[in-house]
Structure formats: structure tokens, C-alpha cells
Amino acid sequence: MTTINARSFARLAVIPSLVVSLMLVAFVSPAQAQKVRPDFFGMHDTQIANGSIPTVKLGSIRLWDSGVTWREIEKIPGTYDWSALDRAVTNARAKKLRPLLVLGQTPQFHAEKPMAPGAYGDGATSMPRLDAWKAYVRAVASKYGTTVDYQVWNEPNVINYWSGTVRQMALLTDTASEILVNVIGAKATLVAPGFPLRLPTQQRWFKAYWQAKSGGSSMASLVDVIGVHLYPVANQAPEDGMKLLALAKKLLPKAARAKPMWNTEINYGLLGGPTATPIPDAKQAAYVARTLVLNAASSIRRMFWYSWAQGDIANTHLVQDDRTTRTRAGNAWNEVHGWLIGTQTSSCSQARTGKLKGLYTCVARKSRTEVRRFYWKPSGKAVQVFTPRSTKKVTNLSGKVTTRQGRYAVKVGYTPIMVTSRR
């Protein structure tokens, strides 16, 4: 293994936080501000290789649960069937969606432990023979080059997806990094494995991975992007996912904290397999809106919803059973896309005391003369909020616009609203 990385990223411009006349605690640093681009809005779609394209506004798609895992591509040793992956990439790019391909799972005949149980069959979670891994990554990189981004593995800190060790996952990361640079060059994008963080055991695994070295190289030096899955526990809300993000940053070494971060899976109510407890349509829409705003105002540079028509394992659904007709939550996605796209996000804050205790305020700048503030209160009674004196309009999550000049009172509950002002 060699130490190879000339991987570097320019720092994004910083927009100073706007002062809000409330007693607030900021939980997202203004230094993490970003301009929200189309590829921030990511999705999973199990049927993309068959021509399905989500009917919400997107810029990225993660190819997972899409029939394109390693063991689905290499069904005969040394023979690769690219047909499904070709279709998935072609369909994605036709809609200007940037594909993220998850490398793995292990074909049984390449597994060091061929009977290791896993969600995708015996041996799928096993450490592969290293020569087979090298051949597969080289073949994928040679075929797709910079037309896709690459993620080392899915959830190696969950036994259903990885039964190997931290050291072995570090070795796979090192090997993949070296091959991508050698085959594609410095423009290749390698994303670290996507790690869920809601359990203490998952957090310890995450920390150990980022402390590991392979061939003398740290994990931070081998990847371009940090991967997290900000699923909170089943009865929690989007704001709890942000607490996991803060924890992830604490667990990362300094070199890794300087890297871009992608939330490569997110939804709510997941119990690890069984049916999620349903929540009302209005709450689903609010969850989607709050997720998009919170992630955009944080260090997350891309966010991939799991997933388009994912079934009943999660409680928040963007589309009806026909896979085309958007739900109230799906419409909320498109509405908030319009709120965020092209803006320079700043911080989110939460009121700590007083009558507005619990109120969230997030700020984004659309232009020199337009500031957008997003307000919501996740729980409890709605509160009355006074808008800035330069207010121009208020938009609710259904897209209804109330045009009114100057400072006035609006009622805010768990569903976000957007207040547009000149400053």
C-alpha cells in the first residue's frame, strides 16, 4: 500500500450569522455555511435500473438496493455483468443526477467466511479476498471513471452488512483509494463508508475506524468525503439527527473534520426491519422540510433520502404506491427545494428561554437584498413570532404566499414556514 493522496478541497465562503433578537443557542457553526446546489438533494430508488425516476427535484442518487451490488455484478468468478449498473447510470445521468455507487457486498465465492450471515445472503458481509476486491474496484473504476462517485461500503458498523474487523475495512478503504487514484486520477471521489450512529456500539466502531491506519495512511488521508447515516432512534425527529451529527464531529479526528460530509441515508421511524409506527401526513411533511433545512444549514454537503417508495420500514413517505404520485411529504420536498436552492445557508439556532423556548430559526441568504428565515417549533404549543421589519412575504409548506410589508406576528408550530425579508 502507498500513501497517495493529493486530495484537497477549497473552503467554502462563509456568510456571517444574522442576529435574531432572541435568547438563542447556535448548534450549527456559521463557518460551515454552504451554497445549496442541486446535488445536495439526493435519493435512493430501488428501480432506477428499470427506468424509475423519482418525481421530486433532485441532483444526486445513491445506487444502493438497486440491483448493482458487487455480488449482483460478479455472479461468476472473474465475469462482470454491468447491464443493470449501466442502465442505472444511464437513467440517472439522463435526468442530470450524480450517481454514488456503493462498493460491496462480497460474492460468496470471494468471501473469507462464505457462510457469514447477512442481509444480502451468505458471505455478503465477509471480508473478501483482497485480490478479488482489487480486481472488482479496478474494473468498476476503469468502466465508469469520473461519471460516478464511489463509496467504500454500506454500514460496516452494522452486523447485517459487515462481519469483518475495523482493520479489514481500513484495508479495503486503502486499497480502493489507491486503485481509484491510479486508474482515474485525482478527480475521483471516494466516500468513506456510511455509518449509522444511533447506538453506542455503532459510535465506538465509527471512532475506531477513523483512528485506524492502513499502510501508514490514516482514513482521513484516503477518502475525499465523510459518510454518515443520521437515523435517530425510531421515536425521534430530525433535530435528533443533528445531535448525532454533532457527536460524529466530536468522534472524528481533526483531519477528518476538515473533509466534506454527506448524509448518505436518512428517514425516520426505522426499527431495523419491522414495520414503522405510522405518523400523520402533516408530520411527515414537516419532517421532510426540517430534515432538508437542518442538513443544508449544517456541514452536510449532500443528503440522500432513503428511499423513493421504500415501503413500511420507515414512517415518512414521499410517494404513493404507484411510485409516481407524490404524497404531502413529497410535495413538501419540492417546496423546500425552492426555498433552499441557490441560497447561502448560515446557522440554525434554538431559543433556550422565554415564551419562544424551543423555537428553531435557520437563516439563508438568496441575494444581497433577500434573506430567508425558516421557523418551526418541533413540539408543544405553537408560538407567536414577530418577523423582521424588512419582511416582504411569508410562505407556508403548501406554497401559499402571504405578501405583507414590515414587522408582524405569525404563528409557528411544528411545520416550518419561510419568512422572506430584505435583511
Protein backbone atom coordinates (compact mmCIF):
# COMPACT_ATOMS: atom_id res chain seq x y z
CA MET A 1 0.00 0.00 0.00
CA THR A 2 1.24 3.51 -0.75
CA THR A 3 0.36 6.88 0.65
CA ILE A 4 -1.14 8.58 -2.33
CA ASN A 5 -3.41 11.41 -1.58
CA ALA A 6 -3.29 14.72 -3.30
CA ARG A 7 -6.91 15.04 -2.22
CA SER A 8 -7.77 18.63 -1.33
CA PHE A 9 -10.84 20.86 -1.23
CA ALA A 10 -11.21 24.64 -1.26
CA ARG A 11 -13.02 26.07 1.72
CA LEU A 12 -16.50 27.35 1.07
CA ALA A 13 -17.17 31.04 1.62
CA VAL A 14 -18.61 31.94 4.97
CA ILE A 15 -21.69 34.09 5.46
CA PRO A 16 -21.84 35.73 8.90
CA SER A 17 -24.79 34.78 11.08
CA LEU A 18 -27.65 37.22 11.11
CA VAL A 19 -28.63 38.45 14.54
CA VAL A 20 -32.03 37.31 15.81
CA SER A 21 -33.38 39.15 18.85
CA LEU A 22 -34.00 36.00 20.89
CA MET A 23 -32.07 34.17 23.58
CA LEU A 24 -30.56 31.54 21.27
CA VAL A 25 -28.02 28.77 21.29
CA ALA A 26 -26.42 28.05 17.92
CA PHE A 27 -25.90 24.36 17.17
CA VAL A 28 -24.54 24.79 13.64
CA SER A 29 -21.45 26.92 13.23
CA PRO A 30 -21.66 29.74 10.66
CA ALA A 31 -18.21 28.62 9.48
CA GLN A 32 -19.93 25.60 7.93
CA ALA A 33 -22.09 27.69 5.61
CA GLN A 34 -22.57 26.43 2.09
CA LYS A 35 -24.25 27.37 -1.14
CA VAL A 36 -27.03 24.86 -1.71
CA ARG A 37 -26.53 23.22 -5.10
CA PRO A 38 -28.71 20.71 -6.95
CA ASP A 39 -26.55 17.75 -5.92
CA PHE A 40 -27.34 18.44 -2.25
CA PHE A 41 -30.76 16.85 -2.90
CA GLY A 42 -30.14 13.09 -3.10
CA MET A 43 -32.33 10.00 -3.20
CA HIS A 44 -32.35 6.20 -3.36
CA ASP A 45 -34.57 4.40 -5.87
CA THR A 46 -34.60 0.60 -5.97
CA GLN A 47 -35.99 0.63 -9.50
CA ILE A 48 -33.73 3.15 -11.21
CA ALA A 49 -32.12 0.42 -13.32
CA ASN A 50 -35.62 -0.36 -14.62
CA GLY A 51 -36.35 3.22 -15.64
CA SER A 52 -37.91 4.63 -12.47
CA ILE A 53 -37.05 8.25 -11.74
CA PRO A 54 -38.41 9.97 -8.60
CA THR A 55 -40.80 12.84 -9.25
CA VAL A 56 -39.18 15.17 -6.74
CA LYS A 57 -36.43 17.65 -7.57
CA LEU A 58 -33.01 16.01 -7.23
CA GLY A 59 -29.37 16.32 -8.18
CA SER A 60 -27.90 13.07 -6.82
CA ILE A 61 -28.81 9.43 -6.47
CA ARG A 62 -27.22 6.70 -4.36
CA LEU A 63 -27.08 3.30 -6.02
CA TRP A 64 -27.92 1.01 -3.12
CA ASP A 65 -30.68 -1.61 -3.02
CA SER A 66 -30.77 -1.08 -6.79
CA GLY A 67 -29.57 -4.48 -8.01
CA VAL A 68 -25.99 -3.27 -8.52
CA THR A 69 -24.01 -4.62 -5.56
CA TRP A 70 -20.73 -6.39 -6.24
CA ARG A 71 -22.30 -9.81 -5.72
CA GLU A 72 -25.04 -8.91 -8.25
CA ILE A 73 -22.45 -7.78 -10.80
CA GLU A 74 -19.99 -10.65 -10.37
CA LYS A 75 -22.10 -13.81 -10.22
CA ILE A 76 -19.40 -15.92 -11.86
CA PRO A 77 -15.80 -15.52 -10.67
CA GLY A 78 -13.97 -13.03 -12.89
CA THR A 79 -17.03 -12.26 -15.04
CA TYR A 80 -18.80 -8.91 -14.58
CA ASP A 81 -22.35 -8.25 -15.74
CA TRP A 82 -22.65 -4.48 -15.99
CA SER A 83 -26.11 -4.40 -17.58
CA ALA A 84 -28.11 -3.28 -14.51
CA LEU A 85 -25.47 -0.76 -13.44
CA ASP A 86 -25.21 0.59 -16.99
CA ARG A 87 -28.97 1.17 -17.05
CA ALA A 88 -28.97 2.78 -13.61
CA VAL A 89 -26.13 5.17 -14.50
CA THR A 90 -27.64 5.99 -17.89
CA ASN A 91 -31.08 6.67 -16.40
CA ALA A 92 -29.59 8.82 -13.64
CA ARG A 93 -27.41 10.88 -15.94
CA ALA A 94 -30.29 11.42 -18.39
CA LYS A 95 -32.01 13.33 -15.56
CA LYS A 96 -28.78 15.07 -14.53
CA LEU A 97 -28.49 13.07 -11.32
CA ARG A 98 -24.99 12.42 -10.00
CA PRO A 99 -24.68 8.68 -9.14
CA LEU A 100 -22.99 7.47 -5.96
CA LEU A 101 -22.10 3.77 -6.29
CA VAL A 102 -21.73 1.76 -3.09
CA LEU A 103 -18.95 -0.83 -3.47
CA GLY A 104 -19.57 -4.33 -1.99
CA GLN A 105 -21.31 -6.67 -0.92
CA THR A 106 -18.96 -9.68 -1.17
CA PRO A 107 -19.77 -12.51 -3.63
CA GLN A 108 -19.90 -15.76 -1.67
CA PHE A 109 -17.13 -17.37 -3.71
CA HIS A 110 -14.78 -14.48 -2.83
CA ALA A 111 -15.64 -14.42 0.88
CA GLU A 112 -13.12 -15.38 3.55
CA LYS A 113 -16.15 -16.56 5.54
CA PRO A 114 -18.58 -17.81 2.89
CA MET A 115 -21.26 -18.77 5.40
CA ALA A 116 -21.25 -15.45 7.27
CA PRO A 117 -24.93 -14.41 7.51
CA GLY A 118 -26.09 -11.06 6.19
CA ALA A 119 -28.98 -9.09 4.78
CA TYR A 120 -27.91 -9.87 1.19
CA GLY A 121 -27.05 -13.54 1.56
CA ASP A 122 -24.37 -15.80 2.96
CA GLY A 123 -20.89 -14.36 2.67
CA ALA A 124 -22.04 -10.87 1.70
CA THR A 125 -20.80 -9.37 4.99
CA SER A 126 -17.45 -11.15 4.90
CA MET A 127 -14.03 -9.71 4.24
CA PRO A 128 -13.37 -10.53 0.57
CA ARG A 129 -10.14 -11.98 -0.73
CA LEU A 130 -8.01 -8.93 -1.39
CA ASP A 131 -7.09 -9.86 -4.96
CA ALA A 132 -10.80 -10.17 -5.83
CA TRP A 133 -11.56 -6.78 -4.24
CA LYS A 134 -8.73 -5.19 -6.20
CA ALA A 135 -9.94 -6.69 -9.46
CA TYR A 136 -13.54 -5.57 -8.87
CA VAL A 137 -12.66 -1.99 -7.88
CA ARG A 138 -10.25 -1.70 -10.81
CA ALA A 139 -12.92 -2.99 -13.21
CA VAL A 140 -15.57 -0.55 -11.90
CA ALA A 141 -13.16 2.39 -11.96
CA SER A 142 -11.95 1.56 -15.47
CA LYS A 143 -15.50 1.36 -16.78
CA TYR A 144 -17.16 4.34 -15.10
CA GLY A 145 -14.28 6.70 -14.31
CA THR A 146 -15.43 10.08 -13.05
CA THR A 147 -19.02 9.61 -14.25
CA VAL A 148 -19.90 8.26 -10.80
CA ASP A 149 -18.70 8.76 -7.24
CA TYR A 150 -17.68 5.73 -5.16
CA GLN A 151 -18.48 4.73 -1.57
CA VAL A 152 -16.34 2.10 0.13
CA TRP A 153 -19.12 0.13 1.86
CA ASN A 154 -22.55 0.39 3.43
CA GLU A 155 -22.85 0.48 7.23
CA PRO A 156 -19.85 -1.62 8.27
CA ASN A 157 -20.76 -0.96 11.91
CA VAL A 158 -23.98 -3.00 11.43
CA ILE A 159 -23.58 -6.78 11.52
CA ASN A 160 -26.09 -7.30 8.69
CA TYR A 161 -23.68 -5.54 6.28
CA TRP A 162 -20.21 -6.29 7.62
CA SER A 163 -18.89 -9.08 9.82
CA GLY A 164 -15.20 -8.23 9.38
CA THR A 165 -12.97 -6.10 11.57
CA VAL A 166 -12.19 -2.40 11.66
CA ARG A 167 -8.67 -3.18 10.43
CA GLN A 168 -10.06 -5.11 7.44
CA MET A 169 -12.42 -2.26 6.49
CA ALA A 170 -9.47 0.13 6.72
CA LEU A 171 -7.55 -2.14 4.34
CA LEU A 172 -10.45 -2.13 1.84
CA THR A 173 -10.55 1.66 2.06
CA ASP A 174 -6.81 1.94 1.45
CA THR A 175 -6.95 -0.44 -1.49
CA ALA A 176 -9.95 1.27 -3.10
CA SER A 177 -8.33 4.70 -2.68
CA GLU A 178 -5.09 3.59 -4.31
CA ILE A 179 -6.86 1.96 -7.24
CA LEU A 180 -9.17 4.91 -7.90
CA VAL A 181 -6.27 7.35 -7.95
CA ASN A 182 -4.17 5.08 -10.15
CA VAL A 183 -6.99 4.34 -12.61
CA ILE A 184 -8.97 7.60 -12.60
CA GLY A 185 -6.67 10.18 -11.07
CA ALA A 186 -7.13 12.92 -8.50
CA LYS A 187 -10.62 13.79 -9.81
CA ALA A 188 -12.03 10.51 -8.47
CA THR A 189 -14.30 10.95 -5.45
CA LEU A 190 -14.13 8.28 -2.76
CA VAL A 191 -16.68 8.48 0.03
CA ALA A 192 -15.98 6.72 3.32
CA PRO A 193 -18.46 4.03 4.41
CA GLY A 194 -21.84 5.34 5.55
CA PHE A 195 -22.02 4.90 9.32
CA PRO A 196 -25.22 4.97 11.40
CA LEU A 197 -24.57 6.43 14.85
CA ARG A 198 -27.65 5.96 16.99
CA LEU A 199 -26.27 3.08 19.10
CA PRO A 200 -23.21 3.24 21.40
CA THR A 201 -21.70 0.19 19.69
CA GLN A 202 -22.02 1.92 16.30
CA GLN A 203 -20.39 5.05 17.69
CA ARG A 204 -17.43 3.07 19.04
CA TRP A 205 -16.95 1.35 15.67
CA PHE A 206 -17.09 4.70 13.90
CA LYS A 207 -14.44 6.16 16.21
CA ALA A 208 -12.19 3.10 15.82
CA TYR A 209 -12.40 3.27 12.02
CA TRP A 210 -11.31 6.89 11.93
CA GLN A 211 -8.45 6.17 14.31
CA ALA A 212 -7.24 3.26 12.17
CA LYS A 213 -4.35 3.34 9.73
CA SER A 214 -3.51 1.15 6.77
CA GLY A 215 -0.08 1.07 5.19
CA GLY A 216 0.80 4.06 7.35
CA SER A 217 -2.09 6.13 5.99
CA SER A 218 -4.95 7.50 8.07
CA MET A 219 -8.51 7.02 6.87
CA ALA A 220 -8.88 10.80 6.55
CA SER A 221 -6.00 10.88 4.07
CA LEU A 222 -7.52 8.09 1.96
CA VAL A 223 -11.04 9.41 1.36
CA ASP A 224 -12.49 12.61 -0.05
CA VAL A 225 -15.80 12.65 1.84
CA ILE A 226 -17.02 11.53 5.28
CA GLY A 227 -20.14 9.32 5.22
CA VAL A 228 -22.78 9.27 7.97
CA HIS A 229 -26.33 7.93 8.29
CA LEU A 230 -28.14 10.27 10.66
CA TYR A 231 -31.04 7.97 11.56
CA PRO A 232 -32.24 8.81 15.07
CA VAL A 233 -33.98 6.15 17.15
CA ALA A 234 -37.44 5.22 15.94
CA ASN A 235 -39.49 7.65 18.03
CA GLN A 236 -37.24 10.66 17.42
CA ALA A 237 -37.33 13.57 14.98
CA PRO A 238 -34.98 15.39 12.56
CA GLU A 239 -33.49 17.56 15.29
CA ASP A 240 -32.22 14.40 17.00
CA GLY A 241 -30.33 13.51 13.83
CA MET A 242 -28.44 16.78 14.20
CA LYS A 243 -27.38 15.73 17.69
CA LEU A 244 -25.86 12.63 16.09
CA LEU A 245 -24.07 14.86 13.60
CA ALA A 246 -22.56 16.88 16.45
CA LEU A 247 -21.46 13.62 18.08
CA ALA A 248 -19.89 12.39 14.85
CA LYS A 249 -17.79 15.56 14.62
CA LYS A 250 -16.53 15.05 18.17
CA LEU A 251 -15.55 11.46 17.37
CA LEU A 252 -13.71 12.35 14.17
CA PRO A 253 -10.02 13.22 14.22
CA LYS A 254 -9.14 16.78 13.25
CA ALA A 255 -8.04 15.84 9.72
CA ALA A 256 -11.37 14.13 9.05
CA ARG A 257 -13.41 17.07 10.37
CA ALA A 258 -11.88 19.20 7.62
CA LYS A 259 -13.42 16.95 4.93
CA PRO A 260 -16.85 17.43 3.32
CA MET A 261 -19.57 15.27 4.87
CA TRP A 262 -22.50 13.51 3.18
CA ASN A 263 -25.57 12.10 4.93
CA THR A 264 -25.93 9.08 2.67
CA GLU A 265 -29.12 7.70 4.29
CA ILE A 266 -31.91 9.35 6.25
CA ASN A 267 -35.55 8.62 7.13
CA TYR A 268 -37.50 8.18 10.35
CA GLY A 269 -39.21 5.54 12.45
CA LEU A 270 -36.84 2.74 11.48
CA LEU A 271 -36.71 -0.20 13.87
CA GLY A 272 -34.16 -2.31 11.99
CA GLY A 273 -36.63 -4.28 9.87
CA PRO A 274 -40.18 -4.36 11.32
CA THR A 275 -42.96 -2.03 10.23
CA ALA A 276 -42.52 1.52 11.50
CA THR A 277 -45.20 3.16 13.62
CA PRO A 278 -47.20 5.44 11.29
CA ILE A 279 -47.28 9.22 11.77
CA PRO A 280 -49.78 11.74 10.29
CA ASP A 281 -49.27 13.11 6.78
CA ALA A 282 -48.74 16.63 8.13
CA LYS A 283 -45.98 15.42 10.42
CA GLN A 284 -44.32 13.52 7.57
CA ALA A 285 -44.27 16.71 5.50
CA ALA A 286 -42.82 18.65 8.44
CA TYR A 287 -40.13 16.00 8.96
CA VAL A 288 -39.03 16.25 5.33
CA ALA A 289 -38.91 20.05 5.44
CA ARG A 290 -37.00 20.16 8.72
CA THR A 291 -34.56 17.50 7.52
CA LEU A 292 -33.70 19.43 4.37
CA VAL A 293 -33.29 22.76 6.15
CA LEU A 294 -31.24 21.35 9.05
CA ASN A 295 -28.91 19.38 6.79
CA ALA A 296 -28.42 22.32 4.42
CA ALA A 297 -27.58 24.61 7.34
CA SER A 298 -25.05 22.12 8.73
CA SER A 299 -21.82 20.66 7.37
CA ILE A 300 -23.75 18.15 5.22
CA ARG A 301 -22.98 18.75 1.55
CA ARG A 302 -25.26 16.03 0.12
CA MET A 303 -28.25 14.30 1.69
CA PHE A 304 -29.73 11.06 0.33
CA TRP A 305 -33.29 10.20 1.36
CA TYR A 306 -33.95 6.52 1.96
CA SER A 307 -35.85 5.98 -0.15
CA TRP A 308 -38.25 6.52 -3.02
CA ALA A 309 -41.12 4.08 -2.34
CA GLN A 310 -39.20 2.35 0.44
CA GLY A 311 -42.22 0.56 1.95
CA ASP A 312 -43.33 0.40 5.56
CA ILE A 313 -39.94 0.08 7.29
CA ALA A 314 -39.89 3.89 7.69
CA ASN A 315 -42.66 6.29 8.69
CA THR A 316 -42.13 9.15 6.22
CA HIS A 317 -43.13 8.56 2.59
CA LEU A 318 -42.63 10.80 -0.43
CA VAL A 319 -44.72 8.87 -2.94
CA GLN A 320 -47.87 6.78 -3.09
CA ASP A 321 -47.95 3.09 -4.04
CA ASP A 322 -47.98 3.94 -7.76
CA ARG A 323 -44.38 5.24 -7.34
CA THR A 324 -45.35 8.42 -9.21
CA THR A 325 -47.95 10.41 -7.26
CA ARG A 326 -46.30 12.49 -4.57
CA THR A 327 -47.59 12.46 -1.02
CA ARG A 328 -47.89 15.57 1.13
CA ALA A 329 -44.29 14.91 2.22
CA GLY A 330 -43.18 14.60 -1.41
CA ASN A 331 -44.76 17.94 -2.20
CA ALA A 332 -43.02 19.40 0.85
CA TRP A 333 -39.68 18.20 -0.57
CA ASN A 334 -40.29 20.15 -3.78
CA GLU A 335 -41.45 23.23 -1.88
CA VAL A 336 -38.37 23.31 0.34
CA HIS A 337 -36.14 22.64 -2.66
CA GLY A 338 -37.37 26.01 -3.93
CA TRP A 339 -36.71 27.60 -0.54
CA LEU A 340 -33.12 26.39 -0.38
CA ILE A 341 -31.70 26.01 -3.89
CA GLY A 342 -29.11 28.63 -4.71
CA THR A 343 -29.09 30.09 -1.20
CA GLN A 344 -26.05 30.56 1.01
CA THR A 345 -27.05 28.89 4.24
CA SER A 346 -25.96 30.14 7.61
CA SER A 347 -26.65 28.81 11.09
CA CYS A 348 -29.62 27.26 12.84
CA SER A 349 -30.42 28.24 16.41
CA GLN A 350 -32.94 27.24 19.04
CA ALA A 351 -34.47 29.56 21.62
CA ARG A 352 -33.46 28.47 25.12
CA THR A 353 -35.68 30.53 27.34
CA GLY A 354 -38.82 32.62 27.48
CA LYS A 355 -42.08 32.40 25.59
CA LEU A 356 -40.30 31.25 22.42
CA LYS A 357 -38.43 28.41 24.12
CA GLY A 358 -37.89 25.55 21.67
CA LEU A 359 -38.30 27.70 18.53
CA TYR A 360 -35.86 26.93 15.71
CA THR A 361 -34.60 29.68 13.43
CA CYS A 362 -32.45 28.91 10.38
CA VAL A 363 -31.08 31.58 8.06
CA ALA A 364 -30.16 31.58 4.37
CA ARG A 365 -29.21 34.41 2.02
CA LYS A 366 -30.60 34.27 -1.52
CA SER A 367 -29.02 37.51 -2.74
CA ARG A 368 -27.64 40.77 -1.40
CA THR A 369 -31.19 42.02 -0.98
CA GLU A 370 -33.01 38.86 0.11
CA VAL A 371 -32.71 36.88 3.34
CA ARG A 372 -34.82 33.82 4.10
CA ARG A 373 -35.58 32.69 7.64
CA PHE A 374 -37.12 29.33 8.42
CA TYR A 375 -39.04 28.96 11.68
CA TRP A 376 -40.59 25.98 13.45
CA LYS A 377 -41.19 24.64 16.95
CA PRO A 378 -40.85 20.83 17.00
CA SER A 379 -43.16 20.14 19.93
CA GLY A 380 -45.57 21.76 22.32
CA LYS A 381 -47.89 24.67 21.67
CA ALA A 382 -47.38 26.93 18.69
CA VAL A 383 -45.85 30.34 19.42
CA GLN A 384 -46.22 33.82 18.01
CA VAL A 385 -43.12 35.11 16.23
CA PHE A 386 -42.55 38.69 15.06
CA THR A 387 -40.94 38.92 11.63
CA PRO A 388 -38.13 41.36 10.75
CA ARG A 389 -39.12 44.95 9.95
CA SER A 390 -37.98 44.46 6.35
CA THR A 391 -40.30 41.46 5.80
CA LYS A 392 -41.69 41.08 2.29
CA LYS A 393 -43.66 37.82 2.47
CA VAL A 394 -44.34 34.60 4.36
CA THR A 395 -44.56 31.20 2.64
CA ASN A 396 -46.07 28.10 4.23
CA LEU A 397 -45.16 24.49 3.44
CA SER A 398 -48.05 24.17 1.00
CA GLY A 399 -46.57 27.01 -1.06
CA LYS A 400 -49.15 29.62 -0.05
CA VAL A 401 -47.59 33.09 -0.05
CA THR A 402 -48.80 35.93 2.15
CA THR A 403 -47.41 39.25 0.96
CA ARG A 404 -47.17 41.82 3.69
CA GLN A 405 -44.61 44.56 4.25
CA GLY A 406 -42.99 45.23 7.60
CA ARG A 407 -42.91 43.60 11.01
CA TYR A 408 -45.90 41.50 12.03
CA ALA A 409 -46.81 38.42 14.05
CA VAL A 410 -47.00 34.88 12.63
CA LYS A 411 -47.99 31.69 14.40
CA VAL A 412 -45.37 28.91 14.28
CA GLY A 413 -45.84 25.24 15.13
CA TYR A 414 -44.03 22.04 14.14
CA THR A 415 -44.41 22.76 10.40
CA PRO A 416 -41.75 25.15 9.05
CA ILE A 417 -42.56 28.46 7.42
CA MET A 418 -40.29 30.73 5.39
CA VAL A 419 -40.14 34.48 6.05
CA THR A 420 -38.52 36.48 3.24
CA SER A 421 -37.06 39.88 4.06
CA ARG A 422 -34.51 42.37 2.74
CA ARG A 423 -32.15 41.80 5.68
